[in-house]
Amino acid sequence: MKKSIFDIYDNTTDFSFLTPDALRYPPGANLPSGLVNTSKLKRQLSADNAALSPKLQDFTEMYHKMAAGLLDMSSNTLIPPGHPIHSRENSVAILKEENKKILKENMELKKKLEEKISEKSRSIISL
């Protein structure tokens, strides 16, 4: 049918160039089923195995660490710091820590201020 349509318009086209060379088989040929050149593939796999083993070992360790971390999950590790839920749950603890830091800074600054005042008063008295 197709050939007759092309013959009507005097258009004889060769479609063989459309298929890649690797896929051309003669009609009625037995197509290869299975792996081709297995000895070369075996050599290549054994060479690649040496390169892949350390990567697979690293992946195995990472996977075990991640799996162990899943068992040890708590609410603190589930929600990262900076997330709104984290700040709501831990707001009291965070505020207490910040308050302690500010009180320590205030005490240090008061001591420094008192030392400077006492030094100035000494220098004025000595004049």
Foldseek 3Di string as FASTA:
>chain_A
DVVVVCVVVVHDDDCPVVDDPVPDDPPPDDDDDDDDPVVVVVVVVVVVCVVCVVVVVVVVVVVVVVVVVVVVDDPDVVDDPPDPVNCVVCVVVVVVVVVVVVVVVVVVVVVVVVVVVVVVVVVVVVD
